[in-house]
C-alpha cells in the first residue's frame, strides 16, 4: 500500500483500559494515541487525509470534541466524517477515532 497508513480503534482509555471521564478527556487521549501510532509508522497528524469519528452522543458532545480536534488539526483539516453510534466496544466510551494518512504528504 505504499506510504498509506490506516489507524483504527483509537479510544480514550487509561493504562487500565478504563474510559476517561468526559468527552474532552477521552478525545485528548484518543488523539494522543493516534499521534503515537502514526509516528511509529513514519507519519504524523499532518499526513492525515481522512478522519472518521464515532460518537455515542454525537449532538450532545460534538462541540467538546471539536474543541479538542482543533488543537490537533489547527491549520489543515483532513476530510472528516462524524458518525453517531449506539455503543462502542467498552462500556463508558464516548468516542472512537479512525484515520487514514499518507506518510510524508503533510506540511513540514
Protein backbone atom coordinates (compact mmCIF):
# COMPACT_ATOMS: atom_id res chain seq x y z
CA UNK A 1 0.00 0.00 0.00
CA UNK A 2 2.97 2.32 -0.30
CA UNK A 3 3.01 5.25 2.08
CA UNK A 4 -0.59 4.82 3.26
CA UNK A 5 -1.23 4.27 6.96
CA UNK A 6 -4.60 3.14 8.34
CA UNK A 7 -5.31 3.51 12.04
CA UNK A 8 -8.49 2.45 13.81
CA UNK A 9 -9.79 1.82 17.29
CA UNK A 10 -8.25 4.86 18.97
CA UNK A 11 -10.25 5.49 22.15
CA UNK A 12 -9.92 7.43 25.39
CA UNK A 13 -8.89 4.81 27.94
CA UNK A 14 -6.22 4.89 30.62
CA UNK A 15 -3.47 2.31 31.20
CA UNK A 16 -6.01 0.07 32.98
CA UNK A 17 -8.35 0.17 29.96
CA UNK A 18 -10.86 2.35 31.83
CA UNK A 19 -12.56 5.16 29.90
CA UNK A 20 -11.53 8.66 30.94
CA UNK A 21 -14.24 10.91 32.36
CA UNK A 22 -15.92 13.12 29.76
CA UNK A 23 -15.66 13.75 26.06
CA UNK A 24 -12.75 16.17 26.18
CA UNK A 25 -10.57 13.82 28.24
CA UNK A 26 -11.41 10.83 26.03
CA UNK A 27 -10.84 12.79 22.83
CA UNK A 28 -7.47 14.07 24.02
CA UNK A 29 -6.28 10.56 24.93
CA UNK A 30 -7.55 9.15 21.63
CA UNK A 31 -5.77 11.85 19.59
CA UNK A 32 -2.54 11.33 21.56
CA UNK A 33 -2.78 7.60 20.82
CA UNK A 34 -3.42 8.32 17.14
CA UNK A 35 -0.40 10.63 17.06
CA UNK A 36 1.86 7.95 18.60
CA UNK A 37 0.67 5.21 16.24
CA UNK A 38 1.23 7.45 13.23
CA UNK A 39 4.72 8.37 14.42
CA UNK A 40 5.60 4.69 14.88
CA UNK A 41 4.52 4.14 11.26
CA UNK A 42 6.64 7.04 9.98
CA UNK A 43 3.76 9.50 9.59
CA UNK A 44 2.30 12.40 11.55
CA UNK A 45 -1.03 14.11 12.17
CA UNK A 46 -0.16 16.47 9.31
CA UNK A 47 -0.27 13.44 7.00
CA UNK A 48 -3.87 12.51 7.90
CA UNK A 49 -6.07 12.80 4.81
CA UNK A 50 -9.25 11.21 6.18
CA UNK A 51 -10.69 11.13 9.68
CA UNK A 52 -13.77 9.22 10.83
CA UNK A 53 -15.06 9.59 14.37
CA UNK A 54 -17.73 7.54 16.07
CA UNK A 55 -19.76 9.20 18.85
CA UNK A 56 -22.26 7.73 21.31
CA UNK A 57 -23.83 11.20 21.81
CA UNK A 58 -22.99 12.99 18.59
CA UNK A 59 -25.20 16.05 19.06
CA UNK A 60 -24.51 16.41 22.78
CA UNK A 61 -20.73 16.03 22.59
CA UNK A 62 -19.77 17.49 19.22
CA UNK A 63 -18.77 20.94 20.50
CA UNK A 64 -16.48 19.47 23.17
CA UNK A 65 -14.99 17.07 20.62
CA UNK A 66 -14.36 19.79 18.03
CA UNK A 67 -12.57 21.91 20.64
CA UNK A 68 -10.08 19.07 21.14
CA UNK A 69 -9.87 18.07 17.46
CA UNK A 70 -8.99 21.63 16.50
CA UNK A 71 -5.97 21.52 18.83
CA UNK A 72 -4.58 18.58 16.85
CA UNK A 73 -5.52 19.90 13.40
CA UNK A 74 -5.07 23.68 13.81
CA UNK A 75 -4.18 24.75 10.28
CA UNK A 76 -5.03 21.88 7.96
CA UNK A 77 -8.16 19.85 8.21
CA UNK A 78 -8.45 16.34 6.80
CA UNK A 79 -11.67 15.10 5.29
CA UNK A 80 -13.82 14.30 8.35
CA UNK A 81 -16.99 12.28 8.92
CA UNK A 82 -18.62 12.16 12.36
CA UNK A 83 -20.92 9.18 12.86
CA UNK A 84 -23.42 8.71 15.68
CA UNK A 85 -23.49 5.17 17.11
CA UNK A 86 -25.43 3.50 19.92
CA UNK A 87 -22.40 1.98 21.64
CA UNK A 88 -18.68 1.31 21.36
CA UNK A 89 -16.52 -1.65 22.39
CA UNK A 90 -16.21 -0.76 26.09
CA UNK A 91 -18.96 0.50 28.37
CA UNK A 92 -18.40 4.19 29.01
CA UNK A 93 -16.59 5.01 25.77
CA UNK A 94 -17.88 8.17 24.13
CA UNK A 95 -15.61 8.42 21.08
CA UNK A 96 -13.55 6.27 18.73
CA UNK A 97 -11.22 7.58 16.03
CA UNK A 98 -10.23 6.02 12.72
CA UNK A 99 -7.81 7.74 10.35
CA UNK A 100 -6.04 7.28 7.06
CA UNK A 101 -2.74 9.03 6.41
CA UNK A 102 -0.30 9.30 3.54
CA UNK A 103 3.15 9.42 5.12
CA UNK A 104 5.11 12.47 4.03
CA UNK A 105 2.15 14.29 2.48
CA UNK A 106 1.62 16.82 5.29
CA UNK A 107 3.07 20.21 5.93
CA UNK A 108 6.59 20.42 7.30
